[in-house]
Structure formats: structure tokens, C-alpha cells
Amino acid sequence: MKAPFSLKQFEYLIPAAVMAPAVARQQYVIIENQPLMKANIDFEKSFMKMEGNLGFIRASDGYPQTAWKHERIKLEMTIYPWAKLVDLNDSDTDGIIMAMDGWMNNERSCCGVLIIDNVKGYDGFAGNKWYITCYICDLLTDECEISFRLPVYTMDTNEYNN
């Protein structure tokens, strides 16, 4: 039996440099030294903070290019249920869904869900690959739905699998 490996905190960063080749091909320039996306999730404190380029986030979710708005967005969300930690080594756990509410750009109320799911292998059993998926919407605007999916990388105890 593997020792418990609880997901307590999660940080993900996409630097601005990854956008430069794509922007050059589209013949427009985004002058910005801030990261395209930065997510910090603290499961112990039940808090998520995310900021990034709205155009990049929407493009990665499959929105058409005409819908891109290259503006900064900032989310501060409270995650429910409180203090629920996910054991990434538990083979019986295939995921968890948590509700969230909070603020978008410190002015608009928003809500959503945070999903931590285990990707099943070809044999149908849970594997050791995990994703965090967020769906967030602004309650006052029809056009503001944000969703993103981020991989969770874990270290394997077997040195050959790292």
C-alpha cells in the first residue's frame, strides 16, 4: 500500500514567452511581461487565486479567435467543502467536485466548480495522471464563462518513472 499523498497546494504558471510565436503569425502584438496564466490553489486554506490574459485562456478553451479579448483577468475564489484533501495515491479515489464562489477583478461576483479527476487508463482503472479543471462564470454577464484544465504532475517513488 502506498503512503498517502495529499494534494495540499497547487501552483501553475504559463510565462508570456510562449505566446510570442503564435502572436507573430497572427500579425498583432501583445505587449505584456506578465504571465499568460498563473494559478495558485491552496486546498488547506480552501482558496484559489488565478490571473491571466483572458484572450489566451479563452483560446485554450476553444473559443474562436474573434471572441478573444486581450485583457487581464483576476479571480479570487473560496473553495467548498472546507479542508477536503485529495489523496493522489488512493486507487479508490477517481476525483472530487468542489463548489466555488468569489470575485472577478475585485468587482463582479462569480461562481463555479473545481474538479480534480483521475484519468483512467485503457484498462478502465484509475491511473496516476490527474487533472484540475475549473469552470467559472460571471453571474451578471452572459459572455463571461472561463474554463481551463491543468495537469497535475506528481513524483513517482520509482526513480525510473520520473
N, C-alpha and C. Protein backbone atom coordinates (compact mmCIF):
# COMPACT_ATOMS: atom_id res chain seq x y z
N MET A 1 0.83 -1.18 0.00
CA MET A 1 0.00 0.00 0.00
C MET A 1 0.87 1.24 0.00
N LYS A 2 0.54 2.19 -0.86
CA LYS A 2 1.32 3.42 -0.95
C LYS A 2 0.96 4.36 0.19
N ALA A 3 1.96 5.14 0.59
CA ALA A 3 1.72 6.15 1.62
C ALA A 3 0.81 7.23 1.06
N PRO A 4 -0.06 7.83 1.89
CA PRO A 4 -0.95 8.89 1.40
C PRO A 4 -0.15 10.07 0.84
N PHE A 5 -0.64 10.61 -0.25
CA PHE A 5 -0.02 11.78 -0.88
C PHE A 5 -1.13 12.79 -1.13
N SER A 6 -1.34 13.68 -0.16
CA SER A 6 -2.43 14.64 -0.23
C SER A 6 -2.04 15.86 -1.06
N LEU A 7 -2.96 16.28 -1.91
CA LEU A 7 -2.77 17.48 -2.70
C LEU A 7 -3.16 18.66 -1.82
N LYS A 8 -2.15 19.34 -1.27
CA LYS A 8 -2.40 20.44 -0.35
C LYS A 8 -2.36 21.79 -1.05
N GLN A 9 -1.42 21.94 -1.97
CA GLN A 9 -1.29 23.19 -2.73
C GLN A 9 -0.96 22.86 -4.17
N PHE A 10 -1.37 23.76 -5.06
CA PHE A 10 -1.11 23.57 -6.48
C PHE A 10 -0.79 24.93 -7.08
N GLU A 11 0.31 25.01 -7.79
CA GLU A 11 0.70 26.24 -8.48
C GLU A 11 1.00 25.91 -9.93
N TYR A 12 0.55 26.78 -10.83
CA TYR A 12 0.76 26.57 -12.26
C TYR A 12 1.02 27.92 -12.90
N LEU A 13 2.03 27.98 -13.77
CA LEU A 13 2.41 29.24 -14.41
C LEU A 13 2.70 28.99 -15.88
N ILE A 14 2.13 29.84 -16.74
CA ILE A 14 2.44 29.82 -18.16
C ILE A 14 3.06 31.18 -18.46
N PRO A 15 4.38 31.23 -18.73
CA PRO A 15 5.04 32.51 -18.96
C PRO A 15 4.60 33.16 -20.28
N ALA A 16 4.77 34.48 -20.36
CA ALA A 16 4.35 35.22 -21.55
C ALA A 16 5.12 34.82 -22.80
N ALA A 17 6.30 34.27 -22.66
CA ALA A 17 7.14 33.93 -23.81
C ALA A 17 6.52 32.87 -24.71
N VAL A 18 5.62 32.03 -24.20
CA VAL A 18 5.02 31.00 -25.05
C VAL A 18 4.05 31.58 -26.06
N MET A 19 3.61 32.82 -25.89
CA MET A 19 2.65 33.44 -26.79
C MET A 19 3.31 34.10 -27.99
N ALA A 20 4.59 34.45 -27.89
CA ALA A 20 5.25 35.23 -28.94
C ALA A 20 5.18 34.61 -30.33
N PRO A 21 5.49 33.33 -30.56
CA PRO A 21 5.40 32.77 -31.91
C PRO A 21 3.97 32.78 -32.47
N ALA A 22 2.99 32.47 -31.63
CA ALA A 22 1.60 32.45 -32.09
C ALA A 22 1.13 33.86 -32.44
N VAL A 23 1.53 34.83 -31.65
CA VAL A 23 1.13 36.21 -31.90
C VAL A 23 1.77 36.72 -33.19
N ALA A 24 3.00 36.36 -33.44
CA ALA A 24 3.69 36.82 -34.65
C ALA A 24 3.00 36.30 -35.91
N ARG A 25 2.51 35.08 -35.87
CA ARG A 25 1.82 34.53 -37.04
C ARG A 25 0.47 35.22 -37.28
N GLN A 26 -0.17 35.73 -36.24
CA GLN A 26 -1.48 36.37 -36.38
C GLN A 26 -1.36 37.86 -36.70
N GLN A 27 -0.17 38.40 -36.77
CA GLN A 27 0.13 39.78 -37.15
C GLN A 27 -0.46 40.81 -36.19
N TYR A 28 -0.46 40.53 -34.93
CA TYR A 28 -0.76 41.52 -33.93
C TYR A 28 0.15 41.28 -32.74
N VAL A 29 0.34 42.29 -31.94
CA VAL A 29 1.32 42.21 -30.87
C VAL A 29 0.64 42.48 -29.53
N ILE A 30 0.98 41.68 -28.57
CA ILE A 30 0.54 41.92 -27.20
C ILE A 30 1.79 42.30 -26.42
N ILE A 31 1.82 43.52 -25.93
CA ILE A 31 2.97 43.95 -25.15
C ILE A 31 2.62 43.75 -23.69
N GLU A 32 3.24 42.74 -23.12
CA GLU A 32 2.90 42.36 -21.77
C GLU A 32 4.00 41.47 -21.22
N ASN A 33 4.51 41.80 -20.07
CA ASN A 33 5.53 40.97 -19.45
C ASN A 33 4.95 40.10 -18.35
N GLN A 34 3.66 40.15 -18.15
CA GLN A 34 3.02 39.34 -17.13
C GLN A 34 2.75 37.95 -17.68
N PRO A 35 2.64 36.96 -16.81
CA PRO A 35 2.37 35.60 -17.30
C PRO A 35 1.02 35.51 -17.99
N LEU A 36 0.93 34.60 -18.96
CA LEU A 36 -0.34 34.38 -19.64
C LEU A 36 -1.37 33.81 -18.67
N MET A 37 -0.90 33.00 -17.74
CA MET A 37 -1.79 32.45 -16.73
C MET A 37 -0.99 32.03 -15.52
N LYS A 38 -1.52 32.36 -14.35
CA LYS A 38 -0.89 31.96 -13.10
C LYS A 38 -2.01 31.53 -12.15
N ALA A 39 -1.95 30.30 -11.69
CA ALA A 39 -2.97 29.77 -10.79
C ALA A 39 -2.32 29.28 -9.51
N ASN A 40 -2.90 29.66 -8.39
CA ASN A 40 -2.47 29.19 -7.07
C ASN A 40 -3.71 28.67 -6.35
N ILE A 41 -3.66 27.40 -5.98
CA ILE A 41 -4.78 26.79 -5.27
C ILE A 41 -4.24 26.23 -3.97
N ASP A 42 -4.83 26.66 -2.87
CA ASP A 42 -4.44 26.18 -1.54
C ASP A 42 -5.63 25.39 -0.99
N PHE A 43 -5.52 24.07 -1.01
CA PHE A 43 -6.62 23.23 -0.55
C PHE A 43 -6.75 23.23 0.96
N GLU A 44 -5.66 23.48 1.67
CA GLU A 44 -5.73 23.54 3.13
C GLU A 44 -6.48 24.78 3.60
N LYS A 45 -6.29 25.89 2.89
CA LYS A 45 -6.97 27.14 3.25
C LYS A 45 -8.24 27.36 2.43
N SER A 46 -8.56 26.42 1.52
CA SER A 46 -9.76 26.47 0.68
C SER A 46 -9.85 27.77 -0.11
N PHE A 47 -8.76 28.07 -0.83
CA PHE A 47 -8.69 29.34 -1.56
C PHE A 47 -8.01 29.14 -2.91
N MET A 48 -8.53 29.80 -3.94
CA MET A 48 -7.91 29.79 -5.27
C MET A 48 -7.73 31.22 -5.75
N LYS A 49 -6.57 31.48 -6.30
CA LYS A 49 -6.26 32.78 -6.91
C LYS A 49 -5.75 32.49 -8.32
N MET A 50 -6.33 33.16 -9.29
CA MET A 50 -5.91 32.96 -10.67
C MET A 50 -5.92 34.31 -11.38
N GLU A 51 -4.88 34.53 -12.17
CA GLU A 51 -4.86 35.72 -13.01
C GLU A 51 -4.23 35.36 -14.34
N GLY A 52 -4.62 36.12 -15.36
CA GLY A 52 -4.05 35.83 -16.67
C GLY A 52 -4.67 36.65 -17.77
N ASN A 53 -4.22 36.36 -18.98
CA ASN A 53 -4.71 37.01 -20.18
C ASN A 53 -6.00 36.31 -20.61
N LEU A 54 -7.11 37.04 -20.60
CA LEU A 54 -8.40 36.44 -20.92
C LEU A 54 -8.42 35.85 -22.33
N GLY A 55 -7.77 36.52 -23.29
CA GLY A 55 -7.72 36.01 -24.65
C GLY A 55 -7.03 34.66 -24.73
N PHE A 56 -5.93 34.50 -24.03
CA PHE A 56 -5.21 33.22 -24.02
C PHE A 56 -6.04 32.13 -23.37
N ILE A 57 -6.66 32.44 -22.24
CA ILE A 57 -7.45 31.44 -21.52
C ILE A 57 -8.63 30.98 -22.37
N ARG A 58 -9.30 31.93 -23.03
CA ARG A 58 -10.45 31.57 -23.87
C ARG A 58 -10.00 30.79 -25.11
N ALA A 59 -8.84 31.15 -25.67
CA ALA A 59 -8.34 30.43 -26.84
C ALA A 59 -7.98 28.99 -26.48
N SER A 60 -7.40 28.80 -25.32
CA SER A 60 -7.04 27.44 -24.91
C SER A 60 -8.28 26.60 -24.62
N ASP A 61 -9.43 27.27 -24.42
CA ASP A 61 -10.68 26.56 -24.19
C ASP A 61 -11.47 26.35 -25.48
N GLY A 62 -10.92 26.81 -26.61
CA GLY A 62 -11.54 26.54 -27.90
C GLY A 62 -12.46 27.64 -28.42
N TYR A 63 -12.48 28.80 -27.79
CA TYR A 63 -13.28 29.90 -28.32
C TYR A 63 -12.69 30.37 -29.63
N PRO A 64 -13.52 30.83 -30.57
CA PRO A 64 -12.97 31.35 -31.83
C PRO A 64 -12.16 32.61 -31.58
N GLN A 65 -11.19 32.83 -32.46
CA GLN A 65 -10.27 33.95 -32.29
C GLN A 65 -10.99 35.29 -32.26
N THR A 66 -12.11 35.44 -32.94
CA THR A 66 -12.82 36.72 -32.95
C THR A 66 -13.39 37.05 -31.58
N ALA A 67 -13.53 36.06 -30.72
CA ALA A 67 -14.07 36.29 -29.38
C ALA A 67 -12.99 36.66 -28.37
N TRP A 68 -11.72 36.65 -28.78
CA TRP A 68 -10.64 36.93 -27.84
C TRP A 68 -10.68 38.38 -27.40
N LYS A 69 -10.50 38.58 -26.12
CA LYS A 69 -10.31 39.91 -25.56
C LYS A 69 -9.00 39.84 -24.80
N HIS A 70 -8.05 40.64 -25.21
CA HIS A 70 -6.73 40.60 -24.57
C HIS A 70 -6.70 41.57 -23.41
N GLU A 71 -7.34 41.18 -22.35
CA GLU A 71 -7.34 41.97 -21.13
C GLU A 71 -6.96 41.05 -19.98
N ARG A 72 -6.50 41.62 -18.91
CA ARG A 72 -6.13 40.85 -17.73
C ARG A 72 -7.37 40.53 -16.91
N ILE A 73 -7.40 39.35 -16.37
CA ILE A 73 -8.50 38.94 -15.51
C ILE A 73 -7.89 38.40 -14.23
N LYS A 74 -8.57 38.65 -13.13
CA LYS A 74 -8.09 38.20 -11.83
C LYS A 74 -9.27 37.59 -11.08
N LEU A 75 -9.08 36.38 -10.57
CA LEU A 75 -10.11 35.68 -9.82
C LEU A 75 -9.61 35.37 -8.42
N GLU A 76 -10.46 35.57 -7.44
CA GLU A 76 -10.19 35.17 -6.06
C GLU A 76 -11.41 34.39 -5.60
N MET A 77 -11.22 33.09 -5.35
CA MET A 77 -12.34 32.19 -5.10
C MET A 77 -12.15 31.45 -3.77
N THR A 78 -13.27 31.21 -3.09
CA THR A 78 -13.30 30.34 -1.92
C THR A 78 -13.79 28.98 -2.38
N ILE A 79 -13.11 27.93 -1.93
CA ILE A 79 -13.44 26.56 -2.35
C ILE A 79 -14.19 25.86 -1.22
N TYR A 80 -15.29 25.18 -1.57
CA TYR A 80 -16.07 24.38 -0.62
C TYR A 80 -16.04 22.94 -1.08
N PRO A 81 -16.03 21.93 -0.30
CA PRO A 81 -16.07 21.90 1.15
C PRO A 81 -14.72 22.28 1.74
N TRP A 82 -14.76 22.79 2.92
CA TRP A 82 -13.54 23.24 3.60
C TRP A 82 -12.63 22.07 3.93
N ALA A 83 -11.35 22.30 3.77
CA ALA A 83 -10.30 21.38 4.23
C ALA A 83 -10.45 19.95 3.71
N LYS A 84 -10.92 19.79 2.50
CA LYS A 84 -11.02 18.45 1.90
C LYS A 84 -9.75 18.22 1.10
N LEU A 85 -8.93 17.29 1.53
CA LEU A 85 -7.69 16.99 0.83
C LEU A 85 -7.86 15.71 0.03
N VAL A 86 -7.31 15.69 -1.16
CA VAL A 86 -7.41 14.54 -2.05
C VAL A 86 -6.12 13.74 -1.97
N ASP A 87 -6.24 12.45 -1.72
CA ASP A 87 -5.09 11.56 -1.68
C ASP A 87 -4.84 11.05 -3.10
N LEU A 88 -3.76 11.50 -3.72
CA LEU A 88 -3.43 11.13 -5.09
C LEU A 88 -2.93 9.70 -5.21
N ASN A 89 -2.62 9.06 -4.11
CA ASN A 89 -2.17 7.66 -4.14
C ASN A 89 -3.30 6.68 -3.86
N ASP A 90 -4.49 7.15 -3.53
CA ASP A 90 -5.61 6.26 -3.23
C ASP A 90 -6.23 5.76 -4.52
N SER A 91 -6.11 4.47 -4.78
CA SER A 91 -6.62 3.89 -6.04
C SER A 91 -8.15 3.89 -6.09
N ASP A 92 -8.82 4.03 -4.96
CA ASP A 92 -10.28 4.09 -4.95
C ASP A 92 -10.82 5.48 -5.26
N THR A 93 -9.96 6.48 -5.22
CA THR A 93 -10.39 7.85 -5.50
C THR A 93 -10.25 8.13 -6.98
N ASP A 94 -11.35 8.48 -7.62
CA ASP A 94 -11.26 8.85 -9.03
C ASP A 94 -11.49 10.34 -9.22
N GLY A 95 -11.77 11.07 -8.16
CA GLY A 95 -11.89 12.51 -8.26
C GLY A 95 -12.83 13.10 -7.24
N ILE A 96 -12.94 14.42 -7.29
CA ILE A 96 -13.81 15.16 -6.39
C ILE A 96 -14.25 16.43 -7.09
N ILE A 97 -15.46 16.86 -6.79
CA ILE A 97 -16.00 18.11 -7.32
C ILE A 97 -16.28 19.04 -6.15
N MET A 98 -15.77 20.28 -6.25
CA MET A 98 -15.96 21.25 -5.18
C MET A 98 -16.57 22.53 -5.75
N ALA A 99 -17.51 23.10 -5.03
CA ALA A 99 -18.11 24.37 -5.44
C ALA A 99 -17.18 25.52 -5.06
N MET A 100 -17.30 26.63 -5.81
CA MET A 100 -16.50 27.82 -5.53
C MET A 100 -17.38 29.06 -5.70
N ASP A 101 -17.06 30.10 -4.96
CA ASP A 101 -17.62 31.41 -5.24
C ASP A 101 -16.57 32.44 -4.89
N GLY A 102 -16.71 33.62 -5.47
CA GLY A 102 -15.71 34.65 -5.23
C GLY A 102 -15.92 35.87 -6.09
N TRP A 103 -14.80 36.51 -6.43
CA TRP A 103 -14.83 37.79 -7.14
C TRP A 103 -13.94 37.74 -8.38
N MET A 104 -14.43 38.37 -9.42
CA MET A 104 -13.69 38.53 -10.67
C MET A 104 -13.29 39.99 -10.78
N ASN A 105 -12.00 40.24 -10.90
CA ASN A 105 -11.44 41.60 -10.99
C ASN A 105 -11.87 42.48 -9.81
N ASN A 106 -12.06 41.88 -8.65
CA ASN A 106 -12.43 42.58 -7.42
C ASN A 106 -13.72 43.37 -7.51
N GLU A 107 -14.58 43.08 -8.49
CA GLU A 107 -15.80 43.87 -8.62
C GLU A 107 -17.04 43.05 -8.95
N ARG A 108 -16.89 41.93 -9.62
CA ARG A 108 -18.05 41.16 -10.05
C ARG A 108 -18.08 39.81 -9.35
N SER A 109 -19.25 39.46 -8.86
CA SER A 109 -19.42 38.17 -8.20
C SER A 109 -19.42 37.05 -9.23
N CYS A 110 -18.80 35.94 -8.89
CA CYS A 110 -18.78 34.79 -9.80
C CYS A 110 -18.85 33.51 -8.98
N CYS A 111 -19.18 32.43 -9.66
CA CYS A 111 -19.24 31.12 -9.01
C CYS A 111 -18.74 30.07 -9.99
N GLY A 112 -18.53 28.88 -9.50
CA GLY A 112 -18.06 27.82 -10.38
C GLY A 112 -17.80 26.53 -9.64
N VAL A 113 -17.15 25.62 -10.34
CA VAL A 113 -16.77 24.34 -9.75
C VAL A 113 -15.30 24.06 -10.04
N LEU A 114 -14.68 23.37 -9.13
CA LEU A 114 -13.30 22.91 -9.26
C LEU A 114 -13.35 21.39 -9.23
N ILE A 115 -12.81 20.77 -10.26
CA ILE A 115 -12.86 19.31 -10.38
C ILE A 115 -11.44 18.77 -10.38
N ILE A 116 -11.19 17.81 -9.52
CA ILE A 116 -9.92 17.09 -9.53
C ILE A 116 -10.26 15.68 -9.97
N ASP A 117 -9.77 15.28 -11.15
CA ASP A 117 -10.15 13.96 -11.64
C ASP A 117 -8.94 13.14 -12.04
N ASN A 118 -9.09 11.85 -11.83
CA ASN A 118 -8.05 10.88 -12.16
C ASN A 118 -8.36 10.34 -13.55
N VAL A 119 -7.39 10.43 -14.43
CA VAL A 119 -7.57 9.94 -15.79
C VAL A 119 -7.44 8.43 -15.80
N LYS A 120 -8.44 7.77 -16.29
CA LYS A 120 -8.42 6.30 -16.33
C LYS A 120 -7.59 5.82 -17.51
N GLY A 121 -6.92 4.69 -17.32
CA GLY A 121 -6.12 4.10 -18.38
C GLY A 121 -6.98 3.33 -19.36
N TYR A 122 -6.34 2.71 -20.34
CA TYR A 122 -7.06 1.93 -21.35
C TYR A 122 -7.79 0.74 -20.73
N ASP A 123 -7.31 0.28 -19.58
CA ASP A 123 -7.95 -0.86 -18.93
C ASP A 123 -9.16 -0.47 -18.09
N GLY A 124 -9.45 0.84 -18.00
CA GLY A 124 -10.61 1.32 -17.25
C GLY A 124 -10.34 1.58 -15.80
N PHE A 125 -9.13 1.30 -15.33
CA PHE A 125 -8.79 1.55 -13.94
C PHE A 125 -8.13 2.91 -13.80
N ALA A 126 -8.27 3.48 -12.60
CA ALA A 126 -7.65 4.77 -12.32
C ALA A 126 -6.14 4.65 -12.41
N GLY A 127 -5.52 5.67 -12.97
CA GLY A 127 -4.07 5.68 -13.11
C GLY A 127 -3.44 6.67 -12.16
N ASN A 128 -2.24 7.14 -12.51
CA ASN A 128 -1.57 8.12 -11.67
C ASN A 128 -1.49 9.48 -12.36
N LYS A 129 -2.37 9.73 -13.33
CA LYS A 129 -2.40 11.01 -14.03
C LYS A 129 -3.65 11.76 -13.58
N TRP A 130 -3.47 12.99 -13.11
CA TRP A 130 -4.54 13.79 -12.55
C TRP A 130 -4.67 15.11 -13.30
N TYR A 131 -5.86 15.66 -13.30
CA TYR A 131 -6.11 16.99 -13.87
C TYR A 131 -6.95 17.81 -12.89
N ILE A 132 -6.73 19.12 -12.91
CA ILE A 132 -7.59 20.07 -12.21
C ILE A 132 -8.31 20.86 -13.28
N THR A 133 -9.64 20.84 -13.24
CA THR A 133 -10.46 21.55 -14.20
C THR A 133 -11.32 22.56 -13.46
N CYS A 134 -11.39 23.78 -13.97
CA CYS A 134 -12.21 24.83 -13.37
C CYS A 134 -13.22 25.33 -14.39
N TYR A 135 -14.44 25.52 -13.94
CA TYR A 135 -15.49 26.17 -14.72
C TYR A 135 -16.00 27.32 -13.86
N ILE A 136 -15.86 28.53 -14.38
CA ILE A 136 -16.23 29.73 -13.62
C ILE A 136 -17.09 30.62 -14.51
N CYS A 137 -18.15 31.18 -13.93
CA CYS A 137 -18.98 32.10 -14.72
C CYS A 137 -19.33 33.32 -13.89
N ASP A 138 -19.44 34.44 -14.60
CA ASP A 138 -19.89 35.70 -14.03
C ASP A 138 -21.41 35.66 -14.04
N LEU A 139 -22.02 35.86 -12.90
CA LEU A 139 -23.47 35.73 -12.81
C LEU A 139 -24.23 36.86 -13.49
N LEU A 140 -23.57 37.98 -13.76
CA LEU A 140 -24.25 39.13 -14.34
C LEU A 140 -24.06 39.27 -15.84
N THR A 141 -23.16 38.50 -16.44
CA THR A 141 -22.84 38.64 -17.85
C THR A 141 -22.99 37.30 -18.56
N ASP A 142 -23.64 37.29 -19.71
CA ASP A 142 -23.81 36.05 -20.46
C ASP A 142 -22.53 35.61 -21.15
N GLU A 143 -21.65 36.55 -21.47
CA GLU A 143 -20.47 36.25 -22.28
C GLU A 143 -19.22 35.93 -21.47
N CYS A 144 -19.33 35.83 -20.18
CA CYS A 144 -18.12 35.62 -19.39
C CYS A 144 -18.13 34.27 -18.70
N GLU A 145 -17.72 33.28 -19.43
CA GLU A 145 -17.52 31.94 -18.88
C GLU A 145 -16.05 31.60 -19.08
N ILE A 146 -15.42 31.17 -18.03
CA ILE A 146 -14.00 30.83 -18.08
C ILE A 146 -13.85 29.38 -17.67
N SER A 147 -13.11 28.65 -18.45
CA SER A 147 -12.80 27.27 -18.06
C SER A 147 -11.38 26.95 -18.48
N PHE A 148 -10.73 26.15 -17.68
CA PHE A 148 -9.38 25.72 -18.01
C PHE A 148 -9.11 24.38 -17.35
N ARG A 149 -8.18 23.64 -17.94
CA ARG A 149 -7.79 22.32 -17.44
C ARG A 149 -6.28 22.28 -17.33
N LEU A 150 -5.81 21.93 -16.15
CA LEU A 150 -4.37 21.93 -15.88
C LEU A 150 -3.92 20.54 -15.41
N PRO A 151 -2.79 20.07 -15.92
CA PRO A 151 -2.28 18.76 -15.47
C PRO A 151 -1.64 18.87 -14.09
N VAL A 152 -1.75 17.81 -13.32
CA VAL A 152 -1.11 17.73 -12.01
C VAL A 152 0.02 16.72 -12.15
N TYR A 153 1.23 17.18 -11.91
CA TYR A 153 2.40 16.31 -12.02
C TYR A 153 2.80 15.86 -10.62
N THR A 154 2.97 14.57 -10.44
CA THR A 154 3.40 14.03 -9.16
C THR A 154 4.71 13.28 -9.35
N MET A 155 5.47 13.21 -8.30
CA MET A 155 6.72 12.45 -8.34
C MET A 155 6.40 10.99 -8.01
N ASP A 156 6.98 10.09 -8.77
CA ASP A 156 6.79 8.66 -8.53
C ASP A 156 7.91 8.18 -7.62
N THR A 157 7.60 7.24 -6.74
CA THR A 157 8.62 6.72 -5.85
C THR A 157 9.66 5.88 -6.59
N ASN A 158 9.30 5.37 -7.78
CA ASN A 158 10.24 4.63 -8.59
C ASN A 158 11.03 5.63 -9.44
N GLU A 159 12.33 5.69 -9.26
CA GLU A 159 13.15 6.71 -9.93
C GLU A 159 13.09 6.59 -11.47
N TYR A 160 12.78 5.43 -12.01
CA TYR A 160 12.73 5.26 -13.46
C TYR A 160 11.45 5.82 -14.06
N ASN A 161 10.41 6.07 -13.27
CA ASN A 161 9.16 6.61 -13.78
C ASN A 161 9.08 8.13 -13.72
N ASN A 162 10.08 8.80 -13.19
CA ASN A 162 10.08 10.27 -13.09
C ASN A 162 10.61 10.91 -14.35
